[in-house]
C-alpha cells in the first residue's frame, strides 16, 4: 500500500488483503472501513462460474460493479443479467441474490459505512494456500454473531 501526504490510499492491481469468503470467492480488500475517513468498504471479488448466493438482505445499501464476466441478479421480483462494465445498486433491506453465469467473474463490491465489514471478515479467512471450501454454516454463524446479512430464502436460480 502507498499513501500520499494527503492520506490517499493507493492499491495497485493484485494488492490488498486476500481472504477466502465462506460463501465462495476470493475477496481482496482494496479499502477497509478503518482506512477510509467515511468508513467506505471496497472489495474486489473473484468468482467461479456457477457460484450462487441465497436470497439475502443487508442493513445498508450494497453496490456492485462487474469488472469481468456475467451475473444474473435477482432484486425483489426482478431478474437482470449484468455483464462486464455494468453496475447495480441495491437498497438496504432489499432481498437479492446472484448467480455467476460466465466461467469466471470479477466484481467490485462497494458499501458505504462499514456496518457489514465485521460480517464479511467473520465469514472469511486469510488465504493460506490450502484448498478453500464453501461453507454456508460458517457464513450463517458470522451473520448471527456480527449482523450485516440476513438470509431470507434459498438461491432463486
C-alpha atoms as a PDB file:
ATOM      1  CA  UNK A   1       0.000   0.000   0.000  1.00  0.00           C
ATOM      2  CA  UNK A   2       1.188   3.507  -0.779  1.00  0.00           C
ATOM      3  CA  UNK A   3      -0.175   6.656   0.820  1.00  0.00           C
ATOM      4  CA  UNK A   4       0.479  10.236  -0.109  1.00  0.00           C
ATOM      5  CA  UNK A   5       0.966  13.075   2.350  1.00  0.00           C
ATOM      6  CA  UNK A   6      -2.717  13.870   1.774  1.00  0.00           C
ATOM      7  CA  UNK A   7      -3.608  10.443   3.203  1.00  0.00           C
ATOM      8  CA  UNK A   8      -4.785   8.883  -0.066  1.00  0.00           C
ATOM      9  CA  UNK A   9      -4.866   5.085  -0.207  1.00  0.00           C
ATOM     10  CA  UNK A  10      -3.467   3.515  -3.366  1.00  0.00           C
ATOM     11  CA  UNK A  11      -3.749  -0.222  -4.018  1.00  0.00           C
ATOM     12  CA  UNK A  12      -2.272  -1.461  -7.244  1.00  0.00           C
ATOM     13  CA  UNK A  13      -3.616  -4.393  -9.232  1.00  0.00           C
ATOM     14  CA  UNK A  14      -3.185  -7.546  -7.152  1.00  0.00           C
ATOM     15  CA  UNK A  15      -2.568  -5.626  -3.921  1.00  0.00           C
ATOM     16  CA  UNK A  16      -4.726  -5.812  -0.810  1.00  0.00           C
ATOM     17  CA  UNK A  17      -5.554  -8.305   1.909  1.00  0.00           C
ATOM     18  CA  UNK A  18      -6.797 -11.520   0.251  1.00  0.00           C
ATOM     19  CA  UNK A  19      -9.363 -13.706   2.026  1.00  0.00           C
ATOM     20  CA  UNK A  20     -11.442 -16.765   1.132  1.00  0.00           C
ATOM     21  CA  UNK A  21     -15.148 -15.972   1.622  1.00  0.00           C
ATOM     22  CA  UNK A  22     -17.072 -18.978   3.008  1.00  0.00           C
ATOM     23  CA  UNK A  23     -19.921 -18.248   0.570  1.00  0.00           C
ATOM     24  CA  UNK A  24     -17.432 -18.754  -2.283  1.00  0.00           C
ATOM     25  CA  UNK A  25     -14.865 -16.490  -3.903  1.00  0.00           C
ATOM     26  CA  UNK A  26     -11.601 -14.722  -3.175  1.00  0.00           C
ATOM     27  CA  UNK A  27     -12.067 -11.267  -1.660  1.00  0.00           C
ATOM     28  CA  UNK A  28      -9.266  -8.690  -1.947  1.00  0.00           C
ATOM     29  CA  UNK A  29      -9.747  -5.736   0.398  1.00  0.00           C
ATOM     30  CA  UNK A  30      -8.976  -2.588  -1.593  1.00  0.00           C
ATOM     31  CA  UNK A  31     -10.183  -0.223   1.138  1.00  0.00           C
ATOM     32  CA  UNK A  32     -11.304  -1.131   4.654  1.00  0.00           C
ATOM     33  CA  UNK A  33     -13.663   0.892   6.771  1.00  0.00           C
ATOM     34  CA  UNK A  34     -10.824   1.709   9.172  1.00  0.00           C
ATOM     35  CA  UNK A  35      -8.720   3.185   6.356  1.00  0.00           C
ATOM     36  CA  UNK A  36     -11.479   5.369   4.944  1.00  0.00           C
ATOM     37  CA  UNK A  37     -12.436   8.521   6.819  1.00  0.00           C
ATOM     38  CA  UNK A  38     -16.099   7.899   5.965  1.00  0.00           C
ATOM     39  CA  UNK A  39     -15.922   4.120   6.540  1.00  0.00           C
ATOM     40  CA  UNK A  40     -16.309   3.187   2.859  1.00  0.00           C
ATOM     41  CA  UNK A  41     -15.628  -0.503   2.144  1.00  0.00           C
ATOM     42  CA  UNK A  42     -14.311  -1.555  -1.300  1.00  0.00           C
ATOM     43  CA  UNK A  43     -13.549  -5.204  -2.078  1.00  0.00           C
ATOM     44  CA  UNK A  44     -12.593  -6.869  -5.365  1.00  0.00           C
ATOM     45  CA  UNK A  45     -14.136 -10.342  -5.609  1.00  0.00           C
ATOM     46  CA  UNK A  46     -13.067 -13.205  -7.905  1.00  0.00           C
ATOM     47  CA  UNK A  47     -15.867 -15.709  -8.540  1.00  0.00           C
ATOM     48  CA  UNK A  48     -16.072 -19.052 -10.324  1.00  0.00           C
ATOM     49  CA  UNK A  49     -18.867 -19.897 -12.717  1.00  0.00           C
ATOM     50  CA  UNK A  50     -21.923 -21.381 -11.027  1.00  0.00           C
ATOM     51  CA  UNK A  51     -21.363 -19.516  -7.739  1.00  0.00           C
ATOM     52  CA  UNK A  52     -24.750 -18.562  -6.341  1.00  0.00           C
ATOM     53  CA  UNK A  53     -25.974 -16.802  -3.241  1.00  0.00           C
ATOM     54  CA  UNK A  54     -29.081 -17.422  -1.186  1.00  0.00           C
ATOM     55  CA  UNK A  55     -31.712 -14.699  -1.225  1.00  0.00           C
ATOM     56  CA  UNK A  56     -30.454 -12.269   1.424  1.00  0.00           C
ATOM     57  CA  UNK A  57     -30.572  -8.695   2.715  1.00  0.00           C
ATOM     58  CA  UNK A  58     -28.081  -6.231   4.210  1.00  0.00           C
ATOM     59  CA  UNK A  59     -28.899  -3.432   6.687  1.00  0.00           C
ATOM     60  CA  UNK A  60     -27.146  -0.950   4.364  1.00  0.00           C
ATOM     61  CA  UNK A  61     -27.103  -0.377   0.618  1.00  0.00           C
ATOM     62  CA  UNK A  62     -24.833  -2.555  -1.482  1.00  0.00           C
ATOM     63  CA  UNK A  63     -23.472  -1.843  -4.914  1.00  0.00           C
ATOM     64  CA  UNK A  64     -21.540  -3.986  -7.305  1.00  0.00           C
ATOM     65  CA  UNK A  65     -19.642  -3.130 -10.471  1.00  0.00           C
ATOM     66  CA  UNK A  66     -18.971  -6.067 -12.810  1.00  0.00           C
ATOM     67  CA  UNK A  67     -15.320  -5.840 -13.877  1.00  0.00           C
ATOM     68  CA  UNK A  68     -15.350  -9.092 -15.850  1.00  0.00           C
ATOM     69  CA  UNK A  69     -17.923 -11.770 -16.625  1.00  0.00           C
ATOM     70  CA  UNK A  70     -21.681 -12.161 -16.456  1.00  0.00           C
ATOM     71  CA  UNK A  71     -24.009 -12.447 -13.446  1.00  0.00           C
ATOM     72  CA  UNK A  72     -27.750 -12.994 -13.185  1.00  0.00           C
ATOM     73  CA  UNK A  73     -29.144 -10.804 -10.399  1.00  0.00           C
ATOM     74  CA  UNK A  74     -32.480 -11.044  -8.651  1.00  0.00           C
ATOM     75  CA  UNK A  75     -33.559  -7.951  -6.740  1.00  0.00           C
ATOM     76  CA  UNK A  76     -37.016  -8.348  -5.242  1.00  0.00           C
ATOM     77  CA  UNK A  77     -39.002  -9.978  -8.068  1.00  0.00           C
ATOM     78  CA  UNK A  78     -36.838  -8.546 -10.882  1.00  0.00           C
ATOM     79  CA  UNK A  79     -34.191 -10.611 -12.727  1.00  0.00           C
ATOM     80  CA  UNK A  80     -31.415  -8.910 -14.695  1.00  0.00           C
ATOM     81  CA  UNK A  81     -28.235 -10.099 -16.401  1.00  0.00           C
ATOM     82  CA  UNK A  82     -25.233  -7.890 -15.677  1.00  0.00           C
ATOM     83  CA  UNK A  83     -22.209  -8.068 -17.976  1.00  0.00           C
ATOM     84  CA  UNK A  84     -18.705  -6.553 -17.912  1.00  0.00           C
ATOM     85  CA  UNK A  85     -18.945  -2.830 -17.175  1.00  0.00           C
ATOM     86  CA  UNK A  86     -22.471  -2.986 -15.689  1.00  0.00           C
ATOM     87  CA  UNK A  87     -23.259  -1.643 -12.226  1.00  0.00           C
ATOM     88  CA  UNK A  88     -26.030  -2.377  -9.719  1.00  0.00           C
ATOM     89  CA  UNK A  89     -27.119  -0.535  -6.570  1.00  0.00           C
ATOM     90  CA  UNK A  90     -29.354  -2.451  -4.124  1.00  0.00           C
ATOM     91  CA  UNK A  91     -31.288  -0.530  -1.434  1.00  0.00           C
ATOM     92  CA  UNK A  92     -30.867  -1.587   2.195  1.00  0.00           C
ATOM     93  CA  UNK A  93     -33.084  -4.448   3.434  1.00  0.00           C
ATOM     94  CA  UNK A  94     -33.990  -5.425  -0.169  1.00  0.00           C
ATOM     95  CA  UNK A  95     -33.889  -9.188  -0.860  1.00  0.00           C
ATOM     96  CA  UNK A  96     -31.356 -10.014  -3.567  1.00  0.00           C
ATOM     97  CA  UNK A  97     -29.223 -12.874  -4.882  1.00  0.00           C
ATOM     98  CA  UNK A  98     -26.962 -13.615  -7.824  1.00  0.00           C
ATOM     99  CA  UNK A  99     -25.601 -16.432  -9.957  1.00  0.00           C
ATOM    100  CA  UNK A 100     -22.303 -16.274 -11.894  1.00  0.00           C
ATOM    101  CA  UNK A 101     -23.276 -17.294 -15.444  1.00  0.00           C
ATOM    102  CA  UNK A 102     -19.845 -16.891 -17.050  1.00  0.00           C
ATOM    103  CA  UNK A 103     -16.915 -19.253 -16.451  1.00  0.00           C
ATOM    104  CA  UNK A 104     -15.289 -16.634 -14.204  1.00  0.00           C
ATOM    105  CA  UNK A 105     -16.254 -13.187 -12.920  1.00  0.00           C
ATOM    106  CA  UNK A 106     -14.626 -10.298 -11.083  1.00  0.00           C
ATOM    107  CA  UNK A 107     -16.717  -7.673  -9.324  1.00  0.00           C
ATOM    108  CA  UNK A 108     -16.081  -4.652  -7.157  1.00  0.00           C
ATOM    109  CA  UNK A 109     -18.307  -4.546  -4.052  1.00  0.00           C
ATOM    110  CA  UNK A 110     -18.741  -1.033  -2.672  1.00  0.00           C
ATOM    111  CA  UNK A 111     -20.572  -0.351   0.590  1.00  0.00           C
ATOM    112  CA  UNK A 112     -20.971   2.894   2.492  1.00  0.00           C
ATOM    113  CA  UNK A 113     -20.032   2.880   6.125  1.00  0.00           C
ATOM    114  CA  UNK A 114     -18.546  -0.304   7.454  1.00  0.00           C
ATOM    115  CA  UNK A 115     -21.537  -1.934   9.188  1.00  0.00           C
ATOM    116  CA  UNK A 116     -21.135  -5.151   7.173  1.00  0.00           C
ATOM    117  CA  UNK A 117     -17.348  -5.408   7.394  1.00  0.00           C
ATOM    118  CA  UNK A 118     -17.456  -7.447  10.631  1.00  0.00           C
ATOM    119  CA  UNK A 119     -19.777  -9.929   8.903  1.00  0.00           C
ATOM    120  CA  UNK A 120     -17.529 -10.200   5.815  1.00  0.00           C
ATOM    121  CA  UNK A 121     -14.400 -10.683   7.929  1.00  0.00           C
ATOM    122  CA  UNK A 122     -16.127 -13.217  10.186  1.00  0.00           C
ATOM    123  CA  UNK A 123     -17.344 -15.095   7.100  1.00  0.00           C
ATOM    124  CA  UNK A 124     -13.865 -15.363   5.581  1.00  0.00           C
ATOM    125  CA  UNK A 125     -10.322 -16.440   6.364  1.00  0.00           C
ATOM    126  CA  UNK A 126      -6.864 -15.470   5.100  1.00  0.00           C
ATOM    127  CA  UNK A 127      -5.781 -17.455   2.059  1.00  0.00           C
ATOM    128  CA  UNK A 128      -3.035 -19.830   3.151  1.00  0.00           C
ATOM    129  CA  UNK A 129      -2.505 -21.912   0.014  1.00  0.00           C
ATOM    130  CA  UNK A 130      -4.683 -24.844   1.106  1.00  0.00           C
ATOM    131  CA  UNK A 131      -7.876 -25.817  -0.715  1.00  0.00           C
ATOM    132  CA  UNK A 132     -10.652 -23.462   0.287  1.00  0.00           C
ATOM    133  CA  UNK A 133     -14.154 -24.870   0.858  1.00  0.00           C
ATOM    134  CA  UNK A 134     -17.527 -23.158   0.621  1.00  0.00           C
ATOM    135  CA  UNK A 135     -19.271 -23.451   3.995  1.00  0.00           C
ATOM    136  CA  UNK A 136     -22.683 -21.817   4.369  1.00  0.00           C
ATOM    137  CA  UNK A 137     -22.828 -22.857   8.050  1.00  0.00           C
ATOM    138  CA  UNK A 138     -19.817 -20.616   8.791  1.00  0.00           C
ATOM    139  CA  UNK A 139     -21.417 -17.856   6.707  1.00  0.00           C
ATOM    140  CA  UNK A 140     -24.617 -18.115   8.760  1.00  0.00           C
ATOM    141  CA  UNK A 141     -22.633 -18.185  12.016  1.00  0.00           C
ATOM    142  CA  UNK A 142     -20.905 -14.924  11.103  1.00  0.00           C
ATOM    143  CA  UNK A 143     -24.258 -13.331  10.220  1.00  0.00           C
ATOM    144  CA  UNK A 144     -25.667 -14.394  13.603  1.00  0.00           C
ATOM    145  CA  UNK A 145     -22.607 -13.142  15.512  1.00  0.00           C
ATOM    146  CA  UNK A 146     -21.891  -9.928  13.581  1.00  0.00           C
ATOM    147  CA  UNK A 147     -25.089  -8.882  11.822  1.00  0.00           C
ATOM    148  CA  UNK A 148     -24.568  -7.422   8.374  1.00  0.00           C
ATOM    149  CA  UNK A 149     -26.616 -10.019   6.480  1.00  0.00           C
ATOM    150  CA  UNK A 150     -29.845 -11.967   6.839  1.00  0.00           C
ATOM    151  CA  UNK A 151     -30.667 -14.995   4.707  1.00  0.00           C
ATOM    152  CA  UNK A 152     -34.320 -14.754   3.693  1.00  0.00           C
ATOM    153  CA  UNK A 153     -34.596 -17.644   1.230  1.00  0.00           C
ATOM    154  CA  UNK A 154     -32.791 -20.276  -0.827  1.00  0.00           C
ATOM    155  CA  UNK A 155     -30.883 -19.425  -4.004  1.00  0.00           C
ATOM    156  CA  UNK A 156     -33.549 -18.473  -6.574  1.00  0.00           C
ATOM    157  CA  UNK A 157     -31.555 -19.788  -9.555  1.00  0.00           C
END
